[in-house]
Amino acid sequence: MVALRHFVVVLAGVVATVTACTRVEPASSAPEVPLGDGGTAGETAGSAGSSAGEGGAASGGEYMGEGGALGTIELGVWPTFALAPNGSPDVQAVLASVSTLSLGSSTLPLAERWDELSGATGSPRALTWNRLDAMTKPFRDRGAGVALCIGVVDREQPAWPFAGDLDSAAAASAIERTIDEVYSRYGAALSHLCFGYELDRYLALASRDERESLRLLLTRAVDYARHHPLHRAKTVIGTAVTLDGLSSDASLADFMLGDEVVAVYDALDGDAELKPAASVVDEVTAALDALDEAPGPRRALTLFEVGYPSGAGSSEKRQRSYYSALFGLLDTRRDAFGFVGINGLADRSAADCAAEALAFGGASDPDVGAAWASARCSMGLRADTVDKLAWSEVAAALSRFR
């Protein structure tokens, strides 16, 4: 674990950051930030053996990169936690971030709705950015990475901070100002910047005009981010869709923008039923096949969020077998992945999971919402203060893939 002196420095950073106020909207205008929400910053890692086989340098060996060097994968663990009674959400968010760094994360994965990051003109909201500054500071201080996804849409829900058309000049100006803020704060540490989140869930409900307006805005955002004066060669840009949609929805081709394809694995299927633990292998393999067959330059696949519940009809053993299957596949195709984000560090509170489930269809179907809430609330590697069986599986992978 991180030494006490390091933690004191981090907490001091929280205080300094939370009290800072530069180029921000008044705190009173900021929305409440659900620090435990899945896919947000405050909501918010395989076995020691290798199954490389054909993908390794020799049968049964580990994957070897160019020149015989062991291939690496950028891995991170989502800083999920359940808010303790009477605890400071900001301090707990930082504690979760420090814990993922201590576990071995090379990158901190974060996702925020655009309307929680910015006001109508793209001006930064103080409460959200102060929290993100505090959470990313331990990683930035260690020279580690930050991967951020801006939820222009949040699964089925619109998440832009203004009224009006997405293809307007005002919308373009607002997203550019938000991107400016990202680069000015985290440009030196930023390894991945994506726009989403699970776009295809929103697109399935959108009209033709709404789809086109979103496509134009995302095209503008990706182009602006790729050519930003603070952009560094190591920062990869993409858009975020569901892993299943990547291989099954041909209409998403127009939304595959940028340098990589960012995918999110969902543990429940279209009927809100729990998938088999091994299904992740088939879904990732199908996604890689789709990318191999796609015209144009080959894009790497980033698995921004992968994970499996230990509850909701599952068990700790099934959760561990999920990660074992996933890491076995990663061993064989290390060159194909840009980043893998493990969801997540700890189980979350029921209220946070229920709020998040609205974006999965729970707003229109309470039964669907309840199924998603149940699954999302047991995705962590730790329940309360007790490590689950998958903890050692993930810790071994964090060490093995770097």
Protein backbone atom coordinates (compact mmCIF):
# COMPACT_ATOMS: atom_id res chain seq x y z
CA MET A 1 0.00 0.00 0.00
CA VAL A 2 0.99 3.62 -0.47
CA ALA A 3 3.01 4.96 2.43
CA LEU A 4 1.32 7.28 4.89
CA ARG A 5 3.41 10.23 3.85
CA HIS A 6 2.17 9.84 0.28
CA PHE A 7 -1.42 9.77 1.45
CA VAL A 8 -0.93 12.96 3.45
CA VAL A 9 0.38 14.67 0.32
CA VAL A 10 -2.65 13.44 -1.63
CA LEU A 11 -5.12 14.71 0.96
CA ALA A 12 -3.35 18.03 1.00
CA GLY A 13 -3.79 18.09 -2.75
CA VAL A 14 -7.52 17.50 -2.35
CA VAL A 15 -7.87 20.52 -0.10
CA ALA A 16 -5.80 22.70 -2.40
CA THR A 17 -7.65 21.57 -5.50
CA VAL A 18 -11.14 21.83 -4.09
CA THR A 19 -10.48 25.40 -2.97
CA ALA A 20 -8.98 26.42 -6.30
CA CYS A 21 -11.16 28.46 -8.66
CA THR A 22 -9.84 29.24 -12.11
CA ARG A 23 -11.93 29.78 -15.24
CA VAL A 24 -14.87 27.90 -13.79
CA GLU A 25 -18.59 28.35 -13.51
CA PRO A 26 -19.84 29.10 -9.98
CA ALA A 27 -20.02 25.95 -7.88
CA SER A 28 -23.70 26.61 -7.27
CA SER A 29 -24.43 25.98 -10.96
CA ALA A 30 -22.80 22.58 -10.98
CA PRO A 31 -25.02 19.51 -10.97
CA GLU A 32 -24.76 17.00 -8.17
CA VAL A 33 -21.99 14.57 -9.09
CA PRO A 34 -22.83 10.96 -8.17
CA LEU A 35 -19.38 9.90 -7.06
CA GLY A 36 -20.37 6.27 -7.09
CA ASP A 37 -21.94 6.25 -10.56
CA GLY A 38 -20.67 3.58 -12.89
CA GLY A 39 -18.60 4.98 -15.67
CA THR A 40 -17.86 8.17 -13.80
CA ALA A 41 -14.65 9.20 -12.18
CA GLY A 42 -15.78 8.61 -8.66
CA GLU A 43 -17.84 5.51 -9.12
CA THR A 44 -16.53 5.97 -9.39
CA ALA A 45 -7.48 -6.45 -12.45
CA GLY A 46 -5.46 -13.09 -14.65
CA SER A 47 -3.74 -16.14 -13.66
CA ALA A 48 0.04 -16.40 -13.53
CA GLY A 49 0.04 -18.99 -16.31
CA SER A 50 -0.04 -18.15 -20.00
CA SER A 51 -2.46 -19.39 -22.58
CA ALA A 52 -0.65 -17.72 -25.43
CA GLY A 53 -0.26 -20.85 -27.48
CA GLU A 54 -0.38 -19.83 -31.13
CA GLY A 55 -0.01 -16.19 -30.25
CA GLY A 56 3.24 -16.64 -28.36
CA ALA A 57 6.77 -16.97 -29.60
CA ALA A 58 6.44 -20.71 -29.12
CA SER A 59 3.67 -23.12 -28.20
CA GLY A 60 2.38 -22.34 -24.72
CA GLY A 61 4.72 -19.34 -24.39
CA GLU A 62 3.85 -15.74 -23.60
CA TYR A 63 3.23 -13.32 -26.44
CA MET A 64 6.49 -11.80 -27.58
CA GLY A 65 6.54 -8.38 -29.14
CA GLU A 66 8.82 -7.04 -31.84
CA GLY A 67 12.43 -8.03 -31.40
CA GLY A 68 11.54 -10.75 -28.90
CA ALA A 69 10.42 -8.29 -26.20
CA LEU A 70 7.40 -9.27 -24.11
CA GLY A 71 4.35 -7.43 -25.40
CA THR A 72 2.65 -5.07 -22.97
CA ILE A 73 -0.90 -3.84 -22.53
CA GLU A 74 -1.90 -0.60 -20.85
CA LEU A 75 -4.12 -1.66 -17.95
CA GLY A 76 -6.14 0.29 -15.43
CA VAL A 77 -8.71 -0.34 -12.69
CA TRP A 78 -11.78 1.85 -12.31
CA PRO A 79 -11.72 3.64 -8.92
CA THR A 80 -15.16 2.44 -7.81
CA PHE A 81 -16.23 2.58 -4.17
CA ALA A 82 -19.27 2.64 -1.91
CA LEU A 83 -19.60 5.94 -0.09
CA ALA A 84 -19.14 5.45 3.65
CA PRO A 85 -21.65 7.10 6.00
CA ASN A 86 -20.51 10.59 6.97
CA GLY A 87 -17.43 10.21 4.76
CA SER A 88 -16.16 12.92 2.44
CA PRO A 89 -16.92 11.87 -1.16
CA ASP A 90 -13.90 13.75 -2.51
CA VAL A 91 -11.51 12.14 -0.04
CA GLN A 92 -12.93 8.70 -0.73
CA ALA A 93 -12.64 9.24 -4.47
CA VAL A 94 -8.95 10.04 -4.03
CA LEU A 95 -8.49 7.04 -1.75
CA ALA A 96 -9.97 4.83 -4.47
CA SER A 97 -7.66 6.37 -7.04
CA VAL A 98 -4.61 5.80 -4.83
CA SER A 99 -5.72 2.22 -4.22
CA THR A 100 -5.86 1.44 -7.94
CA LEU A 101 -2.40 2.92 -8.37
CA SER A 102 -1.13 0.82 -5.49
CA LEU A 103 -2.72 -2.29 -7.01
CA GLY A 104 -0.71 -1.76 -10.18
CA SER A 105 -2.78 0.35 -12.56
CA SER A 106 -0.62 2.02 -15.18
CA THR A 107 -3.51 4.28 -16.19
CA LEU A 108 -6.51 5.76 -14.38
CA PRO A 109 -9.74 5.26 -16.39
CA LEU A 110 -12.33 8.01 -15.99
CA ALA A 111 -15.61 8.77 -17.72
CA GLU A 112 -17.82 11.79 -17.16
CA ARG A 113 -21.01 13.06 -18.75
CA TRP A 114 -20.34 16.19 -20.77
CA ASP A 115 -23.01 18.14 -18.87
CA GLU A 116 -21.19 17.37 -15.60
CA LEU A 117 -17.89 18.59 -17.01
CA SER A 118 -19.11 21.76 -18.69
CA GLY A 119 -21.75 24.44 -18.76
CA ALA A 120 -23.67 25.52 -21.83
CA THR A 121 -20.71 27.35 -23.37
CA GLY A 122 -18.19 24.64 -22.47
CA SER A 123 -17.00 26.54 -19.41
CA PRO A 124 -15.72 24.11 -16.76
CA ARG A 125 -17.85 23.17 -13.76
CA ALA A 126 -15.79 23.62 -10.62
CA LEU A 127 -17.03 20.68 -8.56
CA THR A 128 -16.36 18.03 -11.19
CA TRP A 129 -12.98 19.31 -12.33
CA ASN A 130 -11.71 19.81 -8.79
CA ARG A 131 -12.55 16.19 -8.02
CA LEU A 132 -10.90 14.95 -11.21
CA ASP A 133 -7.79 17.03 -10.49
CA ALA A 134 -7.49 15.43 -7.06
CA MET A 135 -8.06 11.90 -8.36
CA THR A 136 -5.58 12.17 -11.23
CA LYS A 137 -2.86 13.88 -9.19
CA PRO A 138 -1.33 10.65 -7.78
CA PHE A 139 -1.09 9.24 -11.31
CA ARG A 140 0.28 12.43 -12.80
CA ASP A 141 2.86 12.70 -10.03
CA ARG A 142 4.05 9.15 -10.75
CA GLY A 143 4.25 9.71 -14.51
CA ALA A 144 1.33 7.29 -15.03
CA GLY A 145 -1.48 7.76 -17.53
CA VAL A 146 -5.00 9.13 -17.55
CA ALA A 147 -7.72 7.80 -19.89
CA LEU A 148 -10.80 10.01 -20.10
CA CYS A 149 -14.07 9.47 -21.94
CA ILE A 150 -16.39 12.46 -22.37
CA GLY A 151 -20.00 11.29 -22.40
CA VAL A 152 -21.51 13.42 -25.15
CA VAL A 153 -24.24 10.84 -24.75
CA ASP A 154 -24.49 8.53 -21.75
CA ARG A 155 -25.70 5.23 -23.14
CA GLU A 156 -29.39 5.87 -23.93
CA GLN A 157 -29.42 9.38 -22.49
CA PRO A 158 -28.42 12.70 -24.09
CA ALA A 159 -25.68 14.30 -21.99
CA TRP A 160 -24.85 17.60 -23.64
CA PRO A 161 -25.00 20.72 -21.44
CA PHE A 162 -27.11 23.01 -23.64
CA ALA A 163 -30.43 23.20 -25.42
CA GLY A 164 -30.43 23.28 -29.18
CA ASP A 165 -28.86 21.46 -32.08
CA LEU A 166 -25.67 19.42 -31.82
CA ASP A 167 -24.55 20.56 -35.26
CA SER A 168 -24.68 24.27 -34.37
CA ALA A 169 -21.75 26.65 -34.08
CA ALA A 170 -22.48 26.99 -30.36
CA ALA A 171 -22.20 23.20 -29.87
CA ALA A 172 -18.90 23.10 -31.75
CA SER A 173 -17.55 25.94 -29.63
CA ALA A 174 -18.67 24.25 -26.41
CA ILE A 175 -17.04 20.90 -27.16
CA GLU A 176 -13.84 22.62 -28.24
CA ARG A 177 -13.69 24.56 -24.98
CA THR A 178 -14.21 21.32 -23.03
CA ILE A 179 -11.38 19.67 -24.96
CA ASP A 180 -9.18 22.70 -24.25
CA GLU A 181 -9.79 22.15 -20.55
CA VAL A 182 -8.87 18.47 -20.77
CA TYR A 183 -5.58 19.19 -22.49
CA SER A 184 -4.66 22.14 -20.29
CA ARG A 185 -5.10 20.03 -17.13
CA TYR A 186 -4.05 16.53 -18.18
CA GLY A 187 -2.34 16.82 -21.56
CA ALA A 188 1.03 15.56 -20.31
CA ALA A 189 -0.55 12.43 -18.79
CA LEU A 190 -3.42 11.85 -21.22
CA SER A 191 -3.03 8.52 -23.01
CA HIS A 192 -6.61 8.09 -24.29
CA LEU A 193 -9.40 10.57 -24.97
CA CYS A 194 -12.72 9.22 -26.16
CA PHE A 195 -16.20 10.50 -26.83
CA GLY A 196 -19.30 8.42 -26.11
CA TYR A 197 -20.46 6.65 -23.96
CA GLU A 198 -21.82 3.46 -25.65
CA LEU A 199 -23.02 5.54 -28.57
CA ASP A 200 -25.02 2.76 -30.19
CA ARG A 201 -27.46 2.62 -27.27
CA TYR A 202 -28.42 6.24 -27.96
CA LEU A 203 -28.37 5.80 -31.74
CA ALA A 204 -30.85 2.93 -31.55
CA LEU A 205 -33.44 5.38 -30.20
CA ALA A 206 -32.43 8.47 -32.20
CA SER A 207 -34.05 9.83 -35.34
CA ARG A 208 -32.11 10.13 -38.60
CA ASP A 209 -31.56 13.85 -38.01
CA GLU A 210 -30.41 13.24 -34.44
CA ARG A 211 -27.93 10.59 -35.62
CA GLU A 212 -26.51 12.94 -38.24
CA SER A 213 -26.22 15.85 -35.79
CA LEU A 214 -24.34 13.64 -33.34
CA ARG A 215 -22.05 12.33 -36.08
CA LEU A 216 -21.15 15.87 -37.14
CA LEU A 217 -20.39 16.93 -33.58
CA LEU A 218 -18.26 13.84 -32.90
CA THR A 219 -16.37 14.37 -36.15
CA ARG A 220 -15.66 17.94 -35.10
CA ALA A 221 -14.61 16.85 -31.59
CA VAL A 222 -12.26 14.10 -32.79
CA ASP A 223 -10.65 16.33 -35.42
CA TYR A 224 -10.17 19.17 -32.92
CA ALA A 225 -8.68 16.83 -30.32
CA ARG A 226 -6.30 15.21 -32.82
CA HIS A 227 -4.97 18.57 -34.02
CA HIS A 228 -4.98 20.39 -30.70
CA PRO A 229 -1.75 22.33 -30.06
CA LEU A 230 -1.28 20.45 -26.75
CA HIS A 231 -1.93 17.05 -28.29
CA ARG A 232 0.93 14.59 -27.83
CA ALA A 233 1.78 11.60 -29.99
CA LYS A 234 0.96 9.22 -27.13
CA THR A 235 -2.63 10.51 -26.82
CA VAL A 236 -5.01 8.28 -28.79
CA ILE A 237 -8.45 9.57 -29.80
CA GLY A 238 -11.61 7.54 -30.40
CA THR A 239 -15.34 7.12 -29.90
CA ALA A 240 -16.96 4.67 -27.47
CA VAL A 241 -19.51 2.00 -28.44
CA THR A 242 -20.65 -1.29 -26.96
CA LEU A 243 -18.39 -4.26 -27.59
CA ASP A 244 -21.27 -6.29 -28.98
CA GLY A 245 -22.36 -3.47 -31.28
CA LEU A 246 -18.88 -3.15 -32.73
CA SER A 247 -19.19 -6.52 -34.44
CA SER A 248 -22.96 -6.69 -34.99
CA ASP A 249 -24.07 -3.19 -36.03
CA ALA A 250 -22.78 -2.18 -39.48
CA SER A 251 -24.33 1.29 -39.14
CA LEU A 252 -21.72 2.17 -36.52
CA ALA A 253 -19.05 2.44 -39.24
CA ASP A 254 -19.84 6.14 -39.68
CA PHE A 255 -19.17 6.67 -35.97
CA MET A 256 -15.79 4.89 -35.85
CA LEU A 257 -13.75 8.07 -35.75
CA GLY A 258 -10.18 8.74 -34.69
CA ASP A 259 -7.17 6.55 -34.04
CA GLU A 260 -8.77 3.63 -32.20
CA VAL A 261 -12.10 1.97 -31.52
CA VAL A 262 -13.20 2.21 -27.90
CA ALA A 263 -15.53 -0.56 -26.71
CA VAL A 264 -17.42 -1.27 -23.49
CA TYR A 265 -18.37 -4.82 -22.44
CA ASP A 266 -21.81 -5.23 -20.91
CA ALA A 267 -22.41 -8.16 -18.56
CA LEU A 268 -26.13 -8.27 -19.42
CA ASP A 269 -27.58 -9.00 -22.85
CA GLY A 270 -30.35 -7.22 -24.73
CA ASP A 271 -32.96 -8.92 -22.58
CA ALA A 272 -31.21 -7.80 -19.37
CA GLU A 273 -30.11 -11.38 -18.68
CA LEU A 274 -26.65 -12.20 -17.34
CA LYS A 275 -24.29 -13.43 -20.05
CA PRO A 276 -22.09 -16.50 -19.52
CA ALA A 277 -18.75 -15.53 -18.02
CA ALA A 278 -16.85 -16.86 -21.06
CA SER A 279 -18.90 -14.73 -23.48
CA VAL A 280 -16.32 -11.98 -23.28
CA VAL A 281 -13.90 -14.11 -25.32
CA ASP A 282 -16.38 -14.50 -28.17
CA GLU A 283 -17.32 -10.81 -28.11
CA VAL A 284 -13.73 -9.56 -28.08
CA THR A 285 -12.72 -12.04 -30.80
CA ALA A 286 -15.66 -10.94 -32.97
CA ALA A 287 -14.70 -7.30 -32.45
CA LEU A 288 -11.10 -7.97 -33.44
CA ASP A 289 -12.28 -9.85 -36.53
CA ALA A 290 -14.50 -6.92 -37.48
CA LEU A 291 -11.60 -4.50 -37.13
CA ASP A 292 -9.35 -6.78 -39.20
CA GLU A 293 -11.93 -6.80 -42.00
CA ALA A 294 -12.73 -3.09 -41.87
CA PRO A 295 -11.46 -0.99 -44.80
CA GLY A 296 -8.75 1.60 -44.29
CA PRO A 297 -5.96 1.72 -41.72
CA ARG A 298 -6.24 -0.87 -38.97
CA ARG A 299 -7.31 0.56 -35.63
CA ALA A 300 -6.38 -0.83 -32.23
CA LEU A 301 -9.15 -1.92 -29.89
CA THR A 302 -9.44 -0.29 -26.49
CA LEU A 303 -11.62 -2.09 -23.96
CA PHE A 304 -12.42 0.96 -21.89
CA GLU A 305 -14.61 -0.94 -19.46
CA VAL A 306 -14.68 -4.70 -18.87
CA GLY A 307 -16.03 -6.52 -15.83
CA TYR A 308 -18.44 -9.08 -14.47
CA PRO A 309 -20.62 -9.19 -11.35
CA SER A 310 -20.24 -11.58 -8.44
CA GLY A 311 -23.94 -11.19 -7.63
CA ALA A 312 -27.09 -10.83 -9.75
CA GLY A 313 -27.21 -14.58 -10.36
CA SER A 314 -23.44 -14.89 -10.64
CA SER A 315 -20.84 -15.79 -8.01
CA GLU A 316 -17.26 -14.94 -7.06
CA LYS A 317 -16.09 -18.06 -8.89
CA ARG A 318 -17.84 -16.99 -12.09
CA GLN A 319 -16.42 -13.50 -11.77
CA ARG A 320 -12.93 -14.96 -11.44
CA SER A 321 -13.47 -17.28 -14.41
CA TYR A 322 -14.53 -14.25 -16.48
CA TYR A 323 -11.23 -12.51 -15.82
CA SER A 324 -9.28 -15.72 -16.36
CA ALA A 325 -10.89 -16.13 -19.80
CA LEU A 326 -10.35 -12.47 -20.70
CA PHE A 327 -6.69 -12.40 -19.68
CA GLY A 328 -6.08 -15.68 -21.48
CA LEU A 329 -7.28 -14.03 -24.69
CA LEU A 330 -5.26 -10.89 -24.06
CA ASP A 331 -2.16 -13.06 -23.76
CA THR A 332 -2.59 -14.21 -27.35
CA ARG A 333 -3.27 -10.80 -28.92
CA ARG A 334 -1.30 -8.25 -26.91
CA ASP A 335 -0.52 -6.27 -30.04
CA ALA A 336 -4.22 -5.70 -30.81
CA PHE A 337 -5.20 -3.70 -27.71
CA GLY A 338 -4.62 -0.08 -26.83
CA PHE A 339 -5.96 -0.03 -23.29
CA VAL A 340 -8.01 -2.28 -20.99
CA GLY A 341 -9.97 -0.80 -18.08
CA ILE A 342 -11.09 -3.19 -15.33
CA ASN A 343 -14.41 -2.30 -13.66
CA GLY A 344 -13.84 -1.93 -10.84
CA LEU A 345 -11.97 -1.64 -7.54
CA ALA A 346 -14.88 -2.12 -5.11
CA ASP A 347 -18.62 -2.69 -5.02
CA ARG A 348 -20.78 0.40 -4.92
CA SER A 349 -23.88 1.53 -3.09
CA ALA A 350 -27.34 0.45 -4.23
CA ALA A 351 -28.45 4.05 -4.72
CA ASP A 352 -25.56 4.80 -7.08
CA CYS A 353 -26.22 1.67 -9.13
CA ALA A 354 -29.94 2.40 -9.37
CA ALA A 355 -29.22 5.93 -10.61
CA GLU A 356 -26.83 4.64 -13.25
CA ALA A 357 -29.26 1.94 -14.42
CA LEU A 358 -31.55 4.63 -15.84
CA ALA A 359 -29.11 5.03 -18.74
CA PHE A 360 -29.41 1.30 -19.57
CA GLY A 361 -33.16 1.48 -20.17
CA GLY A 362 -34.30 1.65 -16.58
CA ALA A 363 -36.03 4.97 -17.18
CA SER A 364 -38.66 3.24 -19.31
CA ASP A 365 -38.61 -0.27 -17.81
CA PRO A 366 -38.21 -0.67 -14.02
CA ASP A 367 -37.46 -4.39 -14.34
CA VAL A 368 -34.59 -3.69 -16.73
CA GLY A 369 -33.33 -0.99 -14.40
CA ALA A 370 -33.44 -3.33 -11.42
CA ALA A 371 -31.48 -6.01 -13.32
CA TRP A 372 -28.78 -3.55 -14.33
CA ALA A 373 -28.57 -2.06 -10.85
CA SER A 374 -28.12 -5.50 -9.31
CA ALA A 375 -25.36 -6.41 -11.74
CA ARG A 376 -23.51 -3.10 -11.55
CA CYS A 377 -23.49 -3.16 -7.75
CA SER A 378 -21.38 -6.33 -7.53
CA MET A 379 -18.81 -5.57 -10.25
CA GLY A 380 -16.03 -4.71 -7.81
CA LEU A 381 -12.99 -6.78 -6.91
CA ARG A 382 -13.69 -6.07 -3.25
CA ALA A 383 -16.85 -6.11 -1.15
CA ASP A 384 -16.61 -3.82 1.86
CA THR A 385 -13.04 -4.52 3.02
CA VAL A 386 -12.87 -8.14 1.83
CA ASP A 387 -11.10 -9.10 -1.38
CA LYS A 388 -13.10 -11.29 -3.76
CA LEU A 389 -11.65 -14.33 -5.53
CA ALA A 390 -11.01 -12.29 -8.69
CA TRP A 391 -8.72 -9.88 -6.84
CA SER A 392 -5.63 -12.07 -7.13
CA GLU A 393 -6.46 -12.86 -10.77
CA VAL A 394 -6.51 -9.19 -11.66
CA ALA A 395 -3.46 -8.29 -9.54
CA ALA A 396 -1.45 -10.99 -11.34
CA ALA A 397 -2.52 -9.62 -14.72
CA LEU A 398 -1.57 -6.08 -13.79
CA SER A 399 1.92 -7.34 -13.09
CA ARG A 400 2.15 -9.73 -16.05
CA PHE A 401 1.01 -7.45 -18.87
CA ARG A 402 3.36 -4.57 -18.23
